[in-house]
Amino acid sequence: MTDTDPALADPTTDAPARVLIVEDDPGMRVLLVRALHGEGIEALGARDEKEAWPLLDAGGIDLVMLDVMLPGRSGLDLIGDIRARHPGIPIIMVSALGGEADRIAGLDRGADDYVAKPFSRGELLARVRAALRRARTPVVTTASRGDIARFAGWTLDLRRRTLLAPDGAAVELSGAEHDLLAILVQQPHRIIGRERLLELSRARRAQASDRSIDVLVSRLRRKLGDVDNGEDLIRTVRGRGYMLAADVERS
């Protein structure tokens, strides 16, 4: 393996990233494993949920690529279980169902990204690299400020990537949800355009029909709830973008 991107290796051991591919089609599974191996990424294959769980529970998985149409429970149904048992692992859905409604359904369930078949090898690898970088690179600003952001009773730890509710309960965030919230808390009361949010949080250009930011905002709103006046903490500014409508203290 030569000149592996540092973001694709374990920062403590320099070992290559490990990706679990849950795909029932043997030919597609082999194709994906070989593509990732060629990128210097260790790839493990599983046919279904039964084969996937032992590999996940053994630890060391950095990213899951999950087909939608699996034997037994679908990939969409598995997202929540993976999030509950292994929070923080990025999930990329891979499916022949490539319509906008299908992509939104995957993102709304908690996936970090959605790749429609057929796809090019270059696009697939770019999505994998971006997801691994987001998971391993803390979102920071150019200013030297603290890693703890407090707003409306909530506490976001940017380095540990954890969110605590006002009552102290831990709230589970996907990698993409954390990155989006981190960007918003770093610029409170400032309108950030939808395309800019997509660029910052997903490290790729969006297609005109890509509604992933809208889905992420919707997911965050459900988790954050309302402020005292009943309005959303993340406000929509029609035609311009989104903003965090709360004061933020950093420490």
C-alpha atoms as a PDB file:
ATOM      1  CA  MET A   1       0.000   0.000   0.000  1.00  0.00           C
ATOM      2  CA  THR A   2       1.490   3.343  -0.991  1.00  0.00           C
ATOM      3  CA  ASP A   3       0.790   6.934  -0.025  1.00  0.00           C
ATOM      4  CA  THR A   4      -2.484   6.164   1.748  1.00  0.00           C
ATOM      5  CA  ASP A   5      -4.525   9.226   2.596  1.00  0.00           C
ATOM      6  CA  PRO A   6      -3.987   9.825   6.366  1.00  0.00           C
ATOM      7  CA  ALA A   7      -7.719  10.325   6.789  1.00  0.00           C
ATOM      8  CA  LEU A   8      -8.227   6.719   5.640  1.00  0.00           C
ATOM      9  CA  ALA A   9      -6.053   5.239   8.374  1.00  0.00           C
ATOM     10  CA  ASP A  10      -6.537   4.786  12.100  1.00  0.00           C
ATOM     11  CA  PRO A  11      -4.809   7.852  13.635  1.00  0.00           C
ATOM     12  CA  THR A  12      -3.527   5.789  16.589  1.00  0.00           C
ATOM     13  CA  THR A  13      -2.100   2.833  14.675  1.00  0.00           C
ATOM     14  CA  ASP A  14      -1.790   3.968  11.027  1.00  0.00           C
ATOM     15  CA  ALA A  15      -3.735   0.820  10.121  1.00  0.00           C
ATOM     16  CA  PRO A  16      -5.925   1.094   7.016  1.00  0.00           C
ATOM     17  CA  ALA A  17      -9.576   1.977   7.440  1.00  0.00           C
ATOM     18  CA  ARG A  18     -11.942  -1.001   7.685  1.00  0.00           C
ATOM     19  CA  VAL A  19     -15.198  -0.954   5.743  1.00  0.00           C
ATOM     20  CA  LEU A  20     -17.985  -3.499   6.129  1.00  0.00           C
ATOM     21  CA  ILE A  21     -19.946  -4.126   2.919  1.00  0.00           C
ATOM     22  CA  VAL A  22     -23.384  -5.653   3.495  1.00  0.00           C
ATOM     23  CA  GLU A  23     -24.516  -6.775   0.046  1.00  0.00           C
ATOM     24  CA  ASP A  24     -26.381  -9.947  -0.930  1.00  0.00           C
ATOM     25  CA  ASP A  25     -25.275  -9.970  -4.583  1.00  0.00           C
ATOM     26  CA  PRO A  26     -21.963 -11.941  -4.607  1.00  0.00           C
ATOM     27  CA  GLY A  27     -20.694 -10.266  -7.773  1.00  0.00           C
ATOM     28  CA  MET A  28     -21.387  -6.755  -6.499  1.00  0.00           C
ATOM     29  CA  ARG A  29     -19.907  -7.612  -3.108  1.00  0.00           C
ATOM     30  CA  VAL A  30     -16.656  -8.821  -4.687  1.00  0.00           C
ATOM     31  CA  LEU A  31     -16.547  -5.767  -6.946  1.00  0.00           C
ATOM     32  CA  LEU A  32     -16.889  -3.399  -3.982  1.00  0.00           C
ATOM     33  CA  VAL A  33     -14.322  -5.267  -1.893  1.00  0.00           C
ATOM     34  CA  ARG A  34     -11.770  -5.151  -4.728  1.00  0.00           C
ATOM     35  CA  ALA A  35     -12.406  -1.461  -5.406  1.00  0.00           C
ATOM     36  CA  LEU A  36     -11.742  -0.562  -1.768  1.00  0.00           C
ATOM     37  CA  HIS A  37      -8.711  -2.833  -1.512  1.00  0.00           C
ATOM     38  CA  GLY A  38      -7.259  -1.000  -4.499  1.00  0.00           C
ATOM     39  CA  GLU A  39      -7.632   2.234  -2.531  1.00  0.00           C
ATOM     40  CA  GLY A  40      -5.685   0.836   0.436  1.00  0.00           C
ATOM     41  CA  ILE A  41      -8.838   0.232   2.480  1.00  0.00           C
ATOM     42  CA  GLU A  42      -9.512  -3.064   4.236  1.00  0.00           C
ATOM     43  CA  ALA A  43     -12.945  -4.299   3.122  1.00  0.00           C
ATOM     44  CA  LEU A  44     -15.029  -7.059   4.683  1.00  0.00           C
ATOM     45  CA  GLY A  45     -18.098  -8.557   3.025  1.00  0.00           C
ATOM     46  CA  ALA A  46     -21.334  -9.823   4.534  1.00  0.00           C
ATOM     47  CA  ARG A  47     -24.370 -11.244   2.726  1.00  0.00           C
ATOM     48  CA  ASP A  48     -27.015 -10.146   5.224  1.00  0.00           C
ATOM     49  CA  GLU A  49     -27.739  -9.024   8.779  1.00  0.00           C
ATOM     50  CA  LYS A  50     -26.819 -12.419  10.233  1.00  0.00           C
ATOM     51  CA  GLU A  51     -23.317 -12.268   8.753  1.00  0.00           C
ATOM     52  CA  ALA A  52     -22.870  -8.550   9.446  1.00  0.00           C
ATOM     53  CA  TRP A  53     -23.459  -8.410  13.191  1.00  0.00           C
ATOM     54  CA  PRO A  54     -20.482 -10.577  14.289  1.00  0.00           C
ATOM     55  CA  LEU A  55     -18.164  -8.422  12.186  1.00  0.00           C
ATOM     56  CA  LEU A  56     -19.637  -5.197  13.562  1.00  0.00           C
ATOM     57  CA  ASP A  57     -19.670  -6.364  17.173  1.00  0.00           C
ATOM     58  CA  ALA A  58     -16.042  -7.502  16.949  1.00  0.00           C
ATOM     59  CA  GLY A  59     -15.130  -3.806  16.661  1.00  0.00           C
ATOM     60  CA  GLY A  60     -12.772  -1.886  14.437  1.00  0.00           C
ATOM     61  CA  ILE A  61     -15.255  -1.093  11.652  1.00  0.00           C
ATOM     62  CA  ASP A  62     -14.862   2.497  10.423  1.00  0.00           C
ATOM     63  CA  LEU A  63     -17.692   2.624   7.881  1.00  0.00           C
ATOM     64  CA  VAL A  64     -20.629   0.480   6.754  1.00  0.00           C
ATOM     65  CA  MET A  65     -21.799   0.244   3.152  1.00  0.00           C
ATOM     66  CA  LEU A  66     -25.346  -1.095   3.312  1.00  0.00           C
ATOM     67  CA  ASP A  67     -27.498  -2.353   0.451  1.00  0.00           C
ATOM     68  CA  VAL A  68     -31.181  -1.499   0.725  1.00  0.00           C
ATOM     69  CA  MET A  69     -32.590  -4.752  -0.673  1.00  0.00           C
ATOM     70  CA  LEU A  70     -31.261  -7.491   1.614  1.00  0.00           C
ATOM     71  CA  PRO A  71     -32.634 -10.949   2.485  1.00  0.00           C
ATOM     72  CA  GLY A  72     -34.811 -10.683   5.560  1.00  0.00           C
ATOM     73  CA  ARG A  73     -34.762  -7.171   7.005  1.00  0.00           C
ATOM     74  CA  SER A  74     -33.948  -4.380   4.581  1.00  0.00           C
ATOM     75  CA  GLY A  75     -30.956  -2.121   4.879  1.00  0.00           C
ATOM     76  CA  LEU A  76     -33.251   0.756   5.803  1.00  0.00           C
ATOM     77  CA  ASP A  77     -34.531  -1.218   8.792  1.00  0.00           C
ATOM     78  CA  LEU A  78     -30.982  -2.008   9.919  1.00  0.00           C
ATOM     79  CA  ILE A  79     -29.813   1.614  10.098  1.00  0.00           C
ATOM     80  CA  GLY A  80     -31.443   2.286  13.460  1.00  0.00           C
ATOM     81  CA  ASP A  81     -30.023  -0.883  15.024  1.00  0.00           C
ATOM     82  CA  ILE A  82     -26.532  -0.069  13.806  1.00  0.00           C
ATOM     83  CA  ARG A  83     -26.827   3.462  15.188  1.00  0.00           C
ATOM     84  CA  ALA A  84     -27.998   2.115  18.561  1.00  0.00           C
ATOM     85  CA  ARG A  85     -25.274  -0.517  18.935  1.00  0.00           C
ATOM     86  CA  HIS A  86     -22.421   1.303  17.197  1.00  0.00           C
ATOM     87  CA  PRO A  87     -23.057   5.062  17.285  1.00  0.00           C
ATOM     88  CA  GLY A  88     -20.745   7.226  15.237  1.00  0.00           C
ATOM     89  CA  ILE A  89     -19.975   4.716  12.467  1.00  0.00           C
ATOM     90  CA  PRO A  90     -20.781   6.346   9.116  1.00  0.00           C
ATOM     91  CA  ILE A  91     -23.326   4.513   6.956  1.00  0.00           C
ATOM     92  CA  ILE A  92     -23.495   4.754   3.176  1.00  0.00           C
ATOM     93  CA  MET A  93     -26.575   3.246   1.538  1.00  0.00           C
ATOM     94  CA  VAL A  94     -25.987   1.536  -1.808  1.00  0.00           C
ATOM     95  CA  SER A  95     -29.074   0.732  -3.853  1.00  0.00           C
ATOM     96  CA  ALA A  96     -30.549   0.243  -7.293  1.00  0.00           C
ATOM     97  CA  LEU A  97     -33.424   2.403  -6.043  1.00  0.00           C
ATOM     98  CA  GLY A  98     -32.012   5.751  -7.081  1.00  0.00           C
ATOM     99  CA  GLY A  99     -35.040   8.050  -7.183  1.00  0.00           C
ATOM    100  CA  GLU A 100     -35.156  11.189  -5.083  1.00  0.00           C
ATOM    101  CA  ALA A 101     -37.788   9.695  -2.762  1.00  0.00           C
ATOM    102  CA  ASP A 102     -35.559   6.643  -2.184  1.00  0.00           C
ATOM    103  CA  ARG A 103     -32.510   8.796  -1.393  1.00  0.00           C
ATOM    104  CA  ILE A 104     -34.511  10.948   1.002  1.00  0.00           C
ATOM    105  CA  ALA A 105     -35.889   7.836   2.732  1.00  0.00           C
ATOM    106  CA  GLY A 106     -32.361   6.545   3.298  1.00  0.00           C
ATOM    107  CA  LEU A 107     -31.057   9.845   4.605  1.00  0.00           C
ATOM    108  CA  ASP A 108     -34.132  10.332   6.777  1.00  0.00           C
ATOM    109  CA  ARG A 109     -33.547   6.945   8.424  1.00  0.00           C
ATOM    110  CA  GLY A 110     -30.073   8.132   9.447  1.00  0.00           C
ATOM    111  CA  ALA A 111     -27.708   7.230   6.609  1.00  0.00           C
ATOM    112  CA  ASP A 112     -24.809   9.625   6.038  1.00  0.00           C
ATOM    113  CA  ASP A 113     -24.856   9.233   2.264  1.00  0.00           C
ATOM    114  CA  TYR A 114     -26.694   7.375  -0.492  1.00  0.00           C
ATOM    115  CA  VAL A 115     -25.135   5.986  -3.673  1.00  0.00           C
ATOM    116  CA  ALA A 116     -27.426   4.805  -6.471  1.00  0.00           C
ATOM    117  CA  LYS A 117     -26.527   1.869  -8.713  1.00  0.00           C
ATOM    118  CA  PRO A 118     -25.076   1.906 -11.279  1.00  0.00           C
ATOM    119  CA  PHE A 119     -22.237   4.117 -10.073  1.00  0.00           C
ATOM    120  CA  SER A 120     -18.708   4.784 -11.245  1.00  0.00           C
ATOM    121  CA  ARG A 121     -15.746   3.508  -9.269  1.00  0.00           C
ATOM    122  CA  GLY A 122     -14.472   7.067  -8.923  1.00  0.00           C
ATOM    123  CA  GLU A 123     -17.726   8.340  -7.453  1.00  0.00           C
ATOM    124  CA  LEU A 124     -17.964   5.449  -5.001  1.00  0.00           C
ATOM    125  CA  LEU A 125     -14.413   5.924  -3.740  1.00  0.00           C
ATOM    126  CA  ALA A 126     -14.915   9.674  -3.415  1.00  0.00           C
ATOM    127  CA  ARG A 127     -18.002   9.114  -1.261  1.00  0.00           C
ATOM    128  CA  VAL A 128     -16.152   6.597   0.924  1.00  0.00           C
ATOM    129  CA  ARG A 129     -13.148   8.897   1.363  1.00  0.00           C
ATOM    130  CA  ALA A 130     -15.392  11.833   2.254  1.00  0.00           C
ATOM    131  CA  ALA A 131     -17.347   9.808   4.835  1.00  0.00           C
ATOM    132  CA  LEU A 132     -14.164   8.530   6.480  1.00  0.00           C
ATOM    133  CA  ARG A 133     -12.650  12.013   6.610  1.00  0.00           C
ATOM    134  CA  ARG A 134     -15.772  13.474   8.188  1.00  0.00           C
ATOM    135  CA  ALA A 135     -15.765  10.754  10.828  1.00  0.00           C
ATOM    136  CA  ARG A 136     -12.085  11.209  11.701  1.00  0.00           C
ATOM    137  CA  THR A 137     -11.564  14.923  11.261  1.00  0.00           C
ATOM    138  CA  PRO A 138     -13.110  17.205  13.893  1.00  0.00           C
ATOM    139  CA  VAL A 139     -15.022  20.175  12.490  1.00  0.00           C
ATOM    140  CA  VAL A 140     -13.189  23.300  13.681  1.00  0.00           C
ATOM    141  CA  THR A 141     -13.179  26.965  12.896  1.00  0.00           C
ATOM    142  CA  THR A 142     -10.181  29.117  12.084  1.00  0.00           C
ATOM    143  CA  ALA A 143     -10.514  30.838  15.446  1.00  0.00           C
ATOM    144  CA  SER A 144      -8.869  29.179  18.446  1.00  0.00           C
ATOM    145  CA  ARG A 145     -11.911  28.588  20.562  1.00  0.00           C
ATOM    146  CA  GLY A 146     -12.927  25.793  22.944  1.00  0.00           C
ATOM    147  CA  ASP A 147     -14.278  22.426  21.954  1.00  0.00           C
ATOM    148  CA  ILE A 148     -17.444  22.746  24.082  1.00  0.00           C
ATOM    149  CA  ALA A 149     -20.409  24.673  22.652  1.00  0.00           C
ATOM    150  CA  ARG A 150     -23.438  25.401  24.865  1.00  0.00           C
ATOM    151  CA  PHE A 151     -26.703  26.704  23.434  1.00  0.00           C
ATOM    152  CA  ALA A 152     -30.292  26.765  24.746  1.00  0.00           C
ATOM    153  CA  GLY A 153     -29.330  24.271  27.463  1.00  0.00           C
ATOM    154  CA  TRP A 154     -27.652  21.874  25.025  1.00  0.00           C
ATOM    155  CA  THR A 155     -23.948  20.928  25.143  1.00  0.00           C
ATOM    156  CA  LEU A 156     -22.043  19.886  22.030  1.00  0.00           C
ATOM    157  CA  ASP A 157     -18.519  18.522  22.436  1.00  0.00           C
ATOM    158  CA  LEU A 158     -16.871  19.106  19.058  1.00  0.00           C
ATOM    159  CA  ARG A 159     -13.854  16.933  19.743  1.00  0.00           C
ATOM    160  CA  ARG A 160     -15.634  13.960  21.301  1.00  0.00           C
ATOM    161  CA  ARG A 161     -18.555  14.402  18.890  1.00  0.00           C
ATOM    162  CA  THR A 162     -21.170  14.082  21.625  1.00  0.00           C
ATOM    163  CA  LEU A 163     -24.386  16.003  22.315  1.00  0.00           C
ATOM    164  CA  LEU A 164     -26.046  16.321  25.723  1.00  0.00           C
ATOM    165  CA  ALA A 165     -29.652  17.447  26.149  1.00  0.00           C
ATOM    166  CA  PRO A 166     -30.607  20.060  28.762  1.00  0.00           C
ATOM    167  CA  ASP A 167     -31.487  17.218  31.179  1.00  0.00           C
ATOM    168  CA  GLY A 168     -28.020  15.696  30.723  1.00  0.00           C
ATOM    169  CA  ALA A 169     -29.130  12.785  28.535  1.00  0.00           C
ATOM    170  CA  ALA A 170     -26.849  11.819  25.660  1.00  0.00           C
ATOM    171  CA  VAL A 171     -28.425  12.296  22.234  1.00  0.00           C
ATOM    172  CA  GLU A 172     -27.212  10.081  19.400  1.00  0.00           C
ATOM    173  CA  LEU A 173     -26.060  11.889  16.260  1.00  0.00           C
ATOM    174  CA  SER A 174     -24.950  10.458  12.959  1.00  0.00           C
ATOM    175  CA  GLY A 175     -21.673  11.743  11.565  1.00  0.00           C
ATOM    176  CA  ALA A 176     -23.440  13.994   9.083  1.00  0.00           C
ATOM    177  CA  GLU A 177     -25.804  15.343  11.749  1.00  0.00           C
ATOM    178  CA  HIS A 178     -22.890  16.206  14.020  1.00  0.00           C
ATOM    179  CA  ASP A 179     -20.990  17.967  11.258  1.00  0.00           C
ATOM    180  CA  LEU A 180     -24.014  20.045  10.278  1.00  0.00           C
ATOM    181  CA  LEU A 181     -24.745  21.048  13.882  1.00  0.00           C
ATOM    182  CA  ALA A 182     -21.066  21.871  14.452  1.00  0.00           C
ATOM    183  CA  ILE A 183     -21.113  24.282  11.516  1.00  0.00           C
ATOM    184  CA  LEU A 184     -24.281  25.970  12.764  1.00  0.00           C
ATOM    185  CA  VAL A 185     -23.078  26.430  16.364  1.00  0.00           C
ATOM    186  CA  GLN A 186     -19.855  27.976  15.117  1.00  0.00           C
ATOM    187  CA  GLN A 187     -21.845  30.699  13.358  1.00  0.00           C
ATOM    188  CA  PRO A 188     -24.946  31.358  15.502  1.00  0.00           C
ATOM    189  CA  HIS A 189     -27.563  33.836  14.265  1.00  0.00           C
ATOM    190  CA  ARG A 190     -25.889  33.800  10.854  1.00  0.00           C
ATOM    191  CA  ILE A 191     -27.726  32.604   7.759  1.00  0.00           C
ATOM    192  CA  ILE A 192     -25.779  29.898   5.944  1.00  0.00           C
ATOM    193  CA  GLY A 193     -26.875  29.014   2.440  1.00  0.00           C
ATOM    194  CA  ARG A 194     -28.061  25.496   1.673  1.00  0.00           C
ATOM    195  CA  GLU A 195     -25.358  24.903  -0.944  1.00  0.00           C
ATOM    196  CA  ARG A 196     -22.686  26.193   1.426  1.00  0.00           C
ATOM    197  CA  LEU A 197     -23.882  23.852   4.174  1.00  0.00           C
ATOM    198  CA  LEU A 198     -23.797  20.942   1.773  1.00  0.00           C
ATOM    199  CA  GLU A 199     -20.285  21.839   0.677  1.00  0.00           C
ATOM    200  CA  LEU A 200     -18.986  22.178   4.233  1.00  0.00           C
ATOM    201  CA  SER A 201     -20.683  19.164   5.771  1.00  0.00           C
ATOM    202  CA  ARG A 202     -20.503  16.631   2.933  1.00  0.00           C
ATOM    203  CA  ALA A 203     -17.349  17.714   1.027  1.00  0.00           C
ATOM    204  CA  ARG A 204     -18.965  17.279  -2.369  1.00  0.00           C
ATOM    205  CA  ARG A 205     -21.058  19.292  -4.794  1.00  0.00           C
ATOM    206  CA  ALA A 206     -24.790  18.637  -4.755  1.00  0.00           C
ATOM    207  CA  GLN A 207     -26.970  17.929  -7.708  1.00  0.00           C
ATOM    208  CA  ALA A 208     -29.909  20.271  -8.170  1.00  0.00           C
ATOM    209  CA  SER A 209     -32.312  17.652  -6.809  1.00  0.00           C
ATOM    210  CA  ASP A 210     -30.174  16.724  -3.810  1.00  0.00           C
ATOM    211  CA  ARG A 211     -32.193  17.436  -0.650  1.00  0.00           C
ATOM    212  CA  SER A 212     -29.785  15.874   1.820  1.00  0.00           C
ATOM    213  CA  ILE A 213     -29.282  19.099   3.791  1.00  0.00           C
ATOM    214  CA  ASP A 214     -33.040  19.544   4.134  1.00  0.00           C
ATOM    215  CA  VAL A 215     -33.305  15.995   5.451  1.00  0.00           C
ATOM    216  CA  LEU A 216     -30.422  16.515   7.885  1.00  0.00           C
ATOM    217  CA  VAL A 217     -31.978  19.724   9.188  1.00  0.00           C
ATOM    218  CA  SER A 218     -35.293  17.922   9.666  1.00  0.00           C
ATOM    219  CA  ARG A 219     -33.577  15.135  11.620  1.00  0.00           C
ATOM    220  CA  LEU A 220     -31.723  17.623  13.829  1.00  0.00           C
ATOM    221  CA  ARG A 221     -34.896  19.576  14.501  1.00  0.00           C
ATOM    222  CA  ARG A 222     -36.643  16.451  15.743  1.00  0.00           C
ATOM    223  CA  LYS A 223     -33.761  15.721  18.103  1.00  0.00           C
ATOM    224  CA  LEU A 224     -33.340  19.282  19.380  1.00  0.00           C
ATOM    225  CA  GLY A 225     -37.037  20.041  19.775  1.00  0.00           C
ATOM    226  CA  ASP A 226     -38.336  23.594  20.270  1.00  0.00           C
ATOM    227  CA  VAL A 227     -37.047  26.552  22.239  1.00  0.00           C
ATOM    228  CA  ASP A 228     -39.251  28.205  24.869  1.00  0.00           C
ATOM    229  CA  ASN A 229     -41.307  30.189  22.364  1.00  0.00           C
ATOM    230  CA  GLY A 230     -42.175  27.062  20.390  1.00  0.00           C
ATOM    231  CA  GLU A 231     -39.979  27.926  17.411  1.00  0.00           C
ATOM    232  CA  ASP A 232     -37.267  25.720  15.948  1.00  0.00           C
ATOM    233  CA  LEU A 233     -33.693  26.154  17.136  1.00  0.00           C
ATOM    234  CA  ILE A 234     -32.636  25.755  13.518  1.00  0.00           C
ATOM    235  CA  ARG A 235     -34.578  28.379  11.578  1.00  0.00           C
ATOM    236  CA  THR A 236     -35.366  28.363   7.889  1.00  0.00           C
ATOM    237  CA  VAL A 237     -34.806  31.693   6.170  1.00  0.00           C
ATOM    238  CA  ARG A 238     -36.840  31.306   3.006  1.00  0.00           C
ATOM    239  CA  GLY A 239     -34.798  31.547  -0.147  1.00  0.00           C
ATOM    240  CA  ARG A 240     -31.539  32.015   1.756  1.00  0.00           C
ATOM    241  CA  GLY A 241     -30.728  29.061   3.984  1.00  0.00           C
ATOM    242  CA  TYR A 242     -30.653  28.063   7.646  1.00  0.00           C
ATOM    243  CA  MET A 243     -29.361  29.512  10.896  1.00  0.00           C
ATOM    244  CA  LEU A 244     -29.056  28.527  14.554  1.00  0.00           C
ATOM    245  CA  ALA A 245     -31.377  30.856  16.486  1.00  0.00           C
ATOM    246  CA  ALA A 246     -29.606  30.665  19.840  1.00  0.00           C
ATOM    247  CA  ASP A 247     -26.682  32.270  21.619  1.00  0.00           C
ATOM    248  CA  VAL A 248     -23.648  29.993  21.864  1.00  0.00           C
ATOM    249  CA  GLU A 249     -21.050  29.929  24.637  1.00  0.00           C
ATOM    250  CA  ARG A 250     -17.684  28.280  23.924  1.00  0.00           C
ATOM    251  CA  SER A 251     -15.297  26.867  26.503  1.00  0.00           C
END
